[in-house]
Amino acid sequence: MDNLALRLNNLDEAGVYSITVALSEVRAAANEAGFTVFDADLSAVHSKGEFLATVAQSIHAPVWLHKNWDALADVLGDLSWQPAPGYVLVLRNGGELLNLGASDHEIANDILGDTVAFWKTQGKPFWVFFC
């Protein structure tokens, strides 16, 4: 567990990954590192709107979040209501395309990658795990 907690603190390694580690291990390592964990269960997602709503709920987004890609990018790049030294976003039960159509999946992946890159400029690791 200590190894995963140490790796979570490595800013250079932070990114978007598919993992097979148990969610409980990720949660424990993130807690050890002092990170905030957002857990989005995508099993009931069948559309862009449902995806956005599920992620918004998991990150405890402010009520002003509109259900569009730009708003998602904005809130993932803010998180002022969840101050932490780092973040872990777990997207589970979404399959290879996160239960989205191909074009929406591509947009979501771009936003997640941009979010990781933004937080690196802020000196904070942001991890996205698909499981």
N, C-alpha and C. Protein backbone atom coordinates (compact mmCIF):
# COMPACT_ATOMS: atom_id res chain seq x y z
N MET A 1 0.82 -1.19 0.00
CA MET A 1 0.00 0.00 0.00
C MET A 1 0.86 1.25 0.00
N ASP A 2 1.94 1.24 0.80
CA ASP A 2 2.80 2.41 0.86
C ASP A 2 3.34 2.77 -0.52
N ASN A 3 3.66 1.76 -1.33
CA ASN A 3 4.20 2.00 -2.66
C ASN A 3 3.18 2.75 -3.53
N LEU A 4 1.92 2.36 -3.48
CA LEU A 4 0.89 3.04 -4.27
C LEU A 4 0.70 4.47 -3.78
N ALA A 5 0.70 4.67 -2.48
CA ALA A 5 0.57 6.03 -1.94
C ALA A 5 1.73 6.91 -2.38
N LEU A 6 2.93 6.36 -2.39
CA LEU A 6 4.09 7.12 -2.86
C LEU A 6 3.98 7.43 -4.34
N ARG A 7 3.53 6.47 -5.12
CA ARG A 7 3.38 6.69 -6.56
C ARG A 7 2.32 7.75 -6.85
N LEU A 8 1.26 7.76 -6.06
CA LEU A 8 0.22 8.77 -6.27
C LEU A 8 0.77 10.18 -6.11
N ASN A 9 1.77 10.35 -5.29
CA ASN A 9 2.39 11.66 -5.08
C ASN A 9 3.36 12.05 -6.18
N ASN A 10 3.67 11.13 -7.07
CA ASN A 10 4.61 11.41 -8.15
C ASN A 10 3.89 12.18 -9.25
N LEU A 11 4.14 13.46 -9.32
CA LEU A 11 3.48 14.34 -10.28
C LEU A 11 3.73 13.90 -11.72
N ASP A 12 4.94 13.41 -12.00
CA ASP A 12 5.28 13.01 -13.36
C ASP A 12 4.49 11.79 -13.83
N GLU A 13 4.09 10.92 -12.91
CA GLU A 13 3.36 9.71 -13.27
C GLU A 13 1.86 9.93 -13.38
N ALA A 14 1.35 11.00 -12.78
CA ALA A 14 -0.10 11.24 -12.78
C ALA A 14 -0.62 11.22 -14.21
N GLY A 15 -1.77 10.58 -14.38
CA GLY A 15 -2.35 10.48 -15.71
C GLY A 15 -3.65 9.72 -15.70
N VAL A 16 -4.01 9.23 -16.87
CA VAL A 16 -5.25 8.47 -17.08
C VAL A 16 -4.85 7.03 -17.34
N TYR A 17 -5.35 6.12 -16.48
CA TYR A 17 -4.93 4.73 -16.55
C TYR A 17 -6.11 3.79 -16.37
N SER A 18 -6.01 2.65 -17.00
CA SER A 18 -6.91 1.54 -16.73
C SER A 18 -6.21 0.66 -15.71
N ILE A 19 -6.92 0.31 -14.63
CA ILE A 19 -6.29 -0.46 -13.56
C ILE A 19 -7.11 -1.69 -13.20
N THR A 20 -6.44 -2.63 -12.55
CA THR A 20 -7.11 -3.82 -12.05
C THR A 20 -7.00 -3.92 -10.54
N VAL A 21 -6.41 -2.92 -9.92
CA VAL A 21 -6.27 -2.89 -8.46
C VAL A 21 -7.65 -2.69 -7.85
N ALA A 22 -7.90 -3.30 -6.71
CA ALA A 22 -9.18 -3.15 -6.03
C ALA A 22 -9.40 -1.69 -5.63
N LEU A 23 -10.63 -1.24 -5.77
CA LEU A 23 -10.97 0.13 -5.42
C LEU A 23 -10.62 0.44 -3.96
N SER A 24 -10.76 -0.54 -3.09
CA SER A 24 -10.42 -0.32 -1.68
C SER A 24 -8.94 0.00 -1.51
N GLU A 25 -8.08 -0.62 -2.33
CA GLU A 25 -6.64 -0.33 -2.26
C GLU A 25 -6.34 1.07 -2.77
N VAL A 26 -6.99 1.46 -3.85
CA VAL A 26 -6.81 2.81 -4.39
C VAL A 26 -7.26 3.83 -3.36
N ARG A 27 -8.43 3.59 -2.78
CA ARG A 27 -8.99 4.51 -1.78
C ARG A 27 -8.06 4.63 -0.56
N ALA A 28 -7.55 3.51 -0.09
CA ALA A 28 -6.66 3.51 1.08
C ALA A 28 -5.36 4.26 0.76
N ALA A 29 -4.78 4.01 -0.41
CA ALA A 29 -3.54 4.69 -0.80
C ALA A 29 -3.78 6.19 -0.96
N ALA A 30 -4.89 6.56 -1.57
CA ALA A 30 -5.21 7.98 -1.74
C ALA A 30 -5.42 8.65 -0.39
N ASN A 31 -6.10 7.98 0.51
CA ASN A 31 -6.29 8.53 1.86
C ASN A 31 -4.95 8.70 2.57
N GLU A 32 -4.07 7.72 2.41
CA GLU A 32 -2.74 7.80 3.02
C GLU A 32 -1.96 9.00 2.46
N ALA A 33 -2.15 9.28 1.18
CA ALA A 33 -1.47 10.40 0.53
C ALA A 33 -2.17 11.74 0.82
N GLY A 34 -3.35 11.69 1.44
CA GLY A 34 -4.10 12.90 1.73
C GLY A 34 -4.90 13.42 0.55
N PHE A 35 -5.10 12.59 -0.46
CA PHE A 35 -5.81 12.98 -1.68
C PHE A 35 -7.31 12.83 -1.50
N THR A 36 -8.04 13.58 -2.29
CA THR A 36 -9.48 13.43 -2.37
C THR A 36 -9.79 12.41 -3.46
N VAL A 37 -10.68 11.48 -3.16
CA VAL A 37 -11.09 10.45 -4.12
C VAL A 37 -12.52 10.72 -4.56
N PHE A 38 -12.71 10.75 -5.86
CA PHE A 38 -14.04 10.87 -6.45
C PHE A 38 -14.35 9.54 -7.12
N ASP A 39 -15.47 8.95 -6.79
CA ASP A 39 -15.84 7.63 -7.29
C ASP A 39 -17.12 7.74 -8.11
N ALA A 40 -17.00 7.54 -9.41
CA ALA A 40 -18.15 7.62 -10.31
C ALA A 40 -18.49 6.23 -10.85
N ASP A 41 -19.66 5.73 -10.47
CA ASP A 41 -20.14 4.45 -10.97
C ASP A 41 -20.94 4.72 -12.25
N LEU A 42 -20.41 4.28 -13.38
CA LEU A 42 -21.01 4.57 -14.67
C LEU A 42 -21.95 3.47 -15.15
N SER A 43 -22.30 2.53 -14.28
CA SER A 43 -23.11 1.39 -14.72
C SER A 43 -24.49 1.81 -15.25
N ALA A 44 -25.04 2.92 -14.79
CA ALA A 44 -26.36 3.36 -15.25
C ALA A 44 -26.26 4.43 -16.35
N VAL A 45 -25.05 4.70 -16.82
CA VAL A 45 -24.85 5.75 -17.82
C VAL A 45 -25.10 5.19 -19.22
N HIS A 46 -25.92 5.94 -19.99
CA HIS A 46 -26.20 5.54 -21.37
C HIS A 46 -26.16 6.73 -22.32
N SER A 47 -25.72 7.89 -21.79
CA SER A 47 -25.71 9.09 -22.64
C SER A 47 -24.71 10.09 -22.07
N LYS A 48 -24.40 11.09 -22.88
CA LYS A 48 -23.53 12.18 -22.45
C LYS A 48 -24.09 12.86 -21.21
N GLY A 49 -25.38 13.17 -21.21
CA GLY A 49 -26.00 13.84 -20.06
C GLY A 49 -25.89 13.03 -18.79
N GLU A 50 -26.11 11.73 -18.88
CA GLU A 50 -25.99 10.86 -17.71
C GLU A 50 -24.55 10.77 -17.24
N PHE A 51 -23.61 10.74 -18.18
CA PHE A 51 -22.19 10.72 -17.82
C PHE A 51 -21.83 12.00 -17.06
N LEU A 52 -22.20 13.14 -17.61
CA LEU A 52 -21.89 14.42 -16.97
C LEU A 52 -22.53 14.51 -15.60
N ALA A 53 -23.78 14.08 -15.47
CA ALA A 53 -24.47 14.13 -14.18
C ALA A 53 -23.81 13.22 -13.16
N THR A 54 -23.38 12.05 -13.60
CA THR A 54 -22.73 11.09 -12.69
C THR A 54 -21.39 11.63 -12.21
N VAL A 55 -20.60 12.17 -13.12
CA VAL A 55 -19.30 12.73 -12.72
C VAL A 55 -19.52 13.95 -11.83
N ALA A 56 -20.47 14.80 -12.17
CA ALA A 56 -20.76 15.99 -11.35
C ALA A 56 -21.14 15.58 -9.93
N GLN A 57 -21.97 14.56 -9.82
CA GLN A 57 -22.37 14.09 -8.49
C GLN A 57 -21.17 13.53 -7.73
N SER A 58 -20.31 12.80 -8.41
CA SER A 58 -19.17 12.17 -7.73
C SER A 58 -18.16 13.20 -7.23
N ILE A 59 -18.02 14.32 -7.94
CA ILE A 59 -17.06 15.33 -7.51
C ILE A 59 -17.72 16.41 -6.65
N HIS A 60 -19.00 16.21 -6.34
CA HIS A 60 -19.74 17.16 -5.52
C HIS A 60 -19.69 18.56 -6.14
N ALA A 61 -19.92 18.59 -7.46
CA ALA A 61 -19.83 19.84 -8.21
C ALA A 61 -20.88 20.84 -7.74
N PRO A 62 -20.56 22.11 -7.84
CA PRO A 62 -21.53 23.15 -7.48
C PRO A 62 -22.77 23.04 -8.36
N VAL A 63 -23.86 23.55 -7.87
CA VAL A 63 -25.13 23.45 -8.60
C VAL A 63 -25.11 24.21 -9.91
N TRP A 64 -24.17 25.13 -10.08
CA TRP A 64 -24.12 25.90 -11.31
C TRP A 64 -23.58 25.11 -12.50
N LEU A 65 -23.11 23.89 -12.24
CA LEU A 65 -22.56 23.09 -13.34
C LEU A 65 -23.65 22.80 -14.37
N HIS A 66 -23.43 23.25 -15.57
CA HIS A 66 -24.32 22.93 -16.67
C HIS A 66 -23.89 21.60 -17.26
N LYS A 67 -24.79 20.96 -17.90
CA LYS A 67 -24.49 19.64 -18.42
C LYS A 67 -23.94 19.71 -19.84
N ASN A 68 -22.71 20.27 -19.94
CA ASN A 68 -22.02 20.28 -21.23
C ASN A 68 -20.53 20.05 -20.97
N TRP A 69 -19.82 19.73 -22.03
CA TRP A 69 -18.39 19.38 -21.90
C TRP A 69 -17.56 20.54 -21.35
N ASP A 70 -17.83 21.76 -21.79
CA ASP A 70 -17.06 22.91 -21.31
C ASP A 70 -17.22 23.09 -19.80
N ALA A 71 -18.42 22.90 -19.31
CA ALA A 71 -18.65 23.03 -17.87
C ALA A 71 -17.90 21.94 -17.09
N LEU A 72 -17.89 20.73 -17.63
CA LEU A 72 -17.13 19.66 -16.97
C LEU A 72 -15.66 20.02 -16.90
N ALA A 73 -15.11 20.50 -18.01
CA ALA A 73 -13.70 20.90 -18.02
C ALA A 73 -13.45 22.01 -16.99
N ASP A 74 -14.37 22.96 -16.91
CA ASP A 74 -14.22 24.06 -15.95
C ASP A 74 -14.20 23.57 -14.51
N VAL A 75 -15.15 22.71 -14.13
CA VAL A 75 -15.19 22.28 -12.74
C VAL A 75 -14.03 21.36 -12.38
N LEU A 76 -13.60 20.52 -13.33
CA LEU A 76 -12.46 19.65 -13.03
C LEU A 76 -11.18 20.46 -12.88
N GLY A 77 -11.14 21.63 -13.48
CA GLY A 77 -9.98 22.51 -13.35
C GLY A 77 -10.11 23.50 -12.20
N ASP A 78 -11.16 23.39 -11.42
CA ASP A 78 -11.36 24.30 -10.29
C ASP A 78 -11.22 23.51 -8.98
N LEU A 79 -12.22 22.76 -8.61
CA LEU A 79 -12.23 21.93 -7.39
C LEU A 79 -11.92 22.72 -6.12
N SER A 80 -12.20 24.03 -6.13
CA SER A 80 -11.93 24.86 -4.96
C SER A 80 -12.77 24.44 -3.75
N TRP A 81 -13.85 23.77 -3.96
CA TRP A 81 -14.71 23.27 -2.88
C TRP A 81 -14.18 21.97 -2.29
N GLN A 82 -13.12 21.41 -2.88
CA GLN A 82 -12.49 20.18 -2.41
C GLN A 82 -10.98 20.36 -2.35
N PRO A 83 -10.48 21.29 -1.54
CA PRO A 83 -9.03 21.49 -1.50
C PRO A 83 -8.30 20.22 -1.03
N ALA A 84 -7.26 19.88 -1.75
CA ALA A 84 -6.48 18.68 -1.43
C ALA A 84 -5.12 18.79 -2.11
N PRO A 85 -4.14 18.02 -1.63
CA PRO A 85 -2.83 18.03 -2.29
C PRO A 85 -2.82 17.24 -3.60
N GLY A 86 -3.89 16.49 -3.87
CA GLY A 86 -4.00 15.72 -5.10
C GLY A 86 -5.38 15.09 -5.19
N TYR A 87 -5.69 14.59 -6.38
CA TYR A 87 -7.02 14.05 -6.63
C TYR A 87 -6.95 12.73 -7.37
N VAL A 88 -7.93 11.87 -7.08
CA VAL A 88 -8.10 10.62 -7.80
C VAL A 88 -9.56 10.53 -8.23
N LEU A 89 -9.78 10.42 -9.53
CA LEU A 89 -11.12 10.22 -10.08
C LEU A 89 -11.20 8.80 -10.58
N VAL A 90 -12.08 8.01 -9.98
CA VAL A 90 -12.28 6.63 -10.38
C VAL A 90 -13.56 6.55 -11.20
N LEU A 91 -13.43 6.04 -12.42
CA LEU A 91 -14.58 5.84 -13.30
C LEU A 91 -14.73 4.33 -13.46
N ARG A 92 -15.76 3.79 -12.82
CA ARG A 92 -15.91 2.33 -12.85
C ARG A 92 -17.19 1.91 -13.54
N ASN A 93 -17.17 0.70 -14.03
CA ASN A 93 -18.31 0.07 -14.69
C ASN A 93 -18.74 0.81 -15.96
N GLY A 94 -17.77 1.39 -16.66
CA GLY A 94 -18.09 2.13 -17.86
C GLY A 94 -17.68 1.45 -19.14
N GLY A 95 -16.99 0.35 -19.03
CA GLY A 95 -16.52 -0.32 -20.24
C GLY A 95 -15.46 0.49 -20.96
N GLU A 96 -15.08 0.02 -22.09
CA GLU A 96 -14.00 0.64 -22.86
C GLU A 96 -14.32 2.07 -23.28
N LEU A 97 -15.60 2.35 -23.56
CA LEU A 97 -16.00 3.68 -24.02
C LEU A 97 -16.71 4.50 -22.94
N LEU A 98 -16.61 4.06 -21.68
CA LEU A 98 -17.25 4.76 -20.57
C LEU A 98 -18.77 4.88 -20.75
N ASN A 99 -19.34 3.94 -21.48
CA ASN A 99 -20.77 3.93 -21.79
C ASN A 99 -21.20 5.15 -22.60
N LEU A 100 -20.29 5.65 -23.42
CA LEU A 100 -20.56 6.80 -24.28
C LEU A 100 -20.41 6.39 -25.73
N GLY A 101 -20.96 7.21 -26.62
CA GLY A 101 -20.70 7.02 -28.04
C GLY A 101 -19.25 7.36 -28.33
N ALA A 102 -18.76 6.96 -29.48
CA ALA A 102 -17.35 7.14 -29.81
C ALA A 102 -16.91 8.60 -29.77
N SER A 103 -17.69 9.51 -30.33
CA SER A 103 -17.27 10.92 -30.35
C SER A 103 -17.30 11.52 -28.95
N ASP A 104 -18.32 11.19 -28.15
CA ASP A 104 -18.38 11.68 -26.77
C ASP A 104 -17.25 11.08 -25.92
N HIS A 105 -16.92 9.82 -26.18
CA HIS A 105 -15.82 9.19 -25.46
C HIS A 105 -14.51 9.92 -25.74
N GLU A 106 -14.30 10.28 -27.00
CA GLU A 106 -13.08 11.00 -27.38
C GLU A 106 -13.02 12.36 -26.68
N ILE A 107 -14.13 13.06 -26.62
CA ILE A 107 -14.17 14.37 -25.94
C ILE A 107 -13.90 14.19 -24.45
N ALA A 108 -14.54 13.19 -23.83
CA ALA A 108 -14.32 12.94 -22.40
C ALA A 108 -12.86 12.63 -22.13
N ASN A 109 -12.25 11.79 -22.96
CA ASN A 109 -10.83 11.46 -22.78
C ASN A 109 -9.94 12.69 -22.91
N ASP A 110 -10.26 13.55 -23.87
CA ASP A 110 -9.49 14.79 -24.04
C ASP A 110 -9.60 15.67 -22.80
N ILE A 111 -10.81 15.80 -22.26
CA ILE A 111 -11.01 16.62 -21.07
C ILE A 111 -10.25 16.03 -19.89
N LEU A 112 -10.30 14.73 -19.72
CA LEU A 112 -9.59 14.09 -18.62
C LEU A 112 -8.08 14.29 -18.76
N GLY A 113 -7.56 14.11 -19.94
CA GLY A 113 -6.13 14.34 -20.17
C GLY A 113 -5.73 15.79 -19.94
N ASP A 114 -6.57 16.72 -20.40
CA ASP A 114 -6.30 18.14 -20.17
C ASP A 114 -6.35 18.49 -18.69
N THR A 115 -7.27 17.83 -17.96
CA THR A 115 -7.38 18.06 -16.52
C THR A 115 -6.10 17.62 -15.81
N VAL A 116 -5.61 16.44 -16.16
CA VAL A 116 -4.35 15.96 -15.58
C VAL A 116 -3.22 16.95 -15.86
N ALA A 117 -3.13 17.41 -17.10
CA ALA A 117 -2.07 18.35 -17.49
C ALA A 117 -2.21 19.67 -16.73
N PHE A 118 -3.43 20.17 -16.59
CA PHE A 118 -3.64 21.42 -15.87
C PHE A 118 -3.17 21.30 -14.43
N TRP A 119 -3.60 20.25 -13.74
CA TRP A 119 -3.23 20.11 -12.33
C TRP A 119 -1.72 19.92 -12.15
N LYS A 120 -1.07 19.35 -13.13
CA LYS A 120 0.40 19.25 -13.05
C LYS A 120 1.01 20.65 -13.03
N THR A 121 0.45 21.58 -13.79
CA THR A 121 0.98 22.95 -13.78
C THR A 121 0.75 23.62 -12.43
N GLN A 122 -0.20 23.09 -11.66
CA GLN A 122 -0.50 23.62 -10.33
C GLN A 122 0.29 22.87 -9.24
N GLY A 123 1.09 21.89 -9.66
CA GLY A 123 1.88 21.12 -8.71
C GLY A 123 1.08 20.08 -7.94
N LYS A 124 -0.08 19.69 -8.48
CA LYS A 124 -0.93 18.71 -7.81
C LYS A 124 -1.22 17.53 -8.75
N PRO A 125 -0.96 16.33 -8.28
CA PRO A 125 -1.30 15.16 -9.10
C PRO A 125 -2.82 14.99 -9.22
N PHE A 126 -3.27 14.73 -10.41
CA PHE A 126 -4.66 14.37 -10.67
C PHE A 126 -4.62 13.07 -11.44
N TRP A 127 -5.22 12.06 -10.87
CA TRP A 127 -5.21 10.72 -11.45
C TRP A 127 -6.62 10.37 -11.89
N VAL A 128 -6.73 9.70 -13.02
CA VAL A 128 -8.00 9.14 -13.46
C VAL A 128 -7.77 7.65 -13.66
N PHE A 129 -8.59 6.85 -12.96
CA PHE A 129 -8.50 5.41 -13.07
C PHE A 129 -9.80 4.83 -13.61
N PHE A 130 -9.69 4.04 -14.68
CA PHE A 130 -10.81 3.29 -15.20
C PHE A 130 -10.72 1.89 -14.61
N CYS A 131 -11.78 1.43 -14.02
CA CYS A 131 -11.77 0.06 -13.49
C CYS A 131 -13.14 -0.57 -13.61
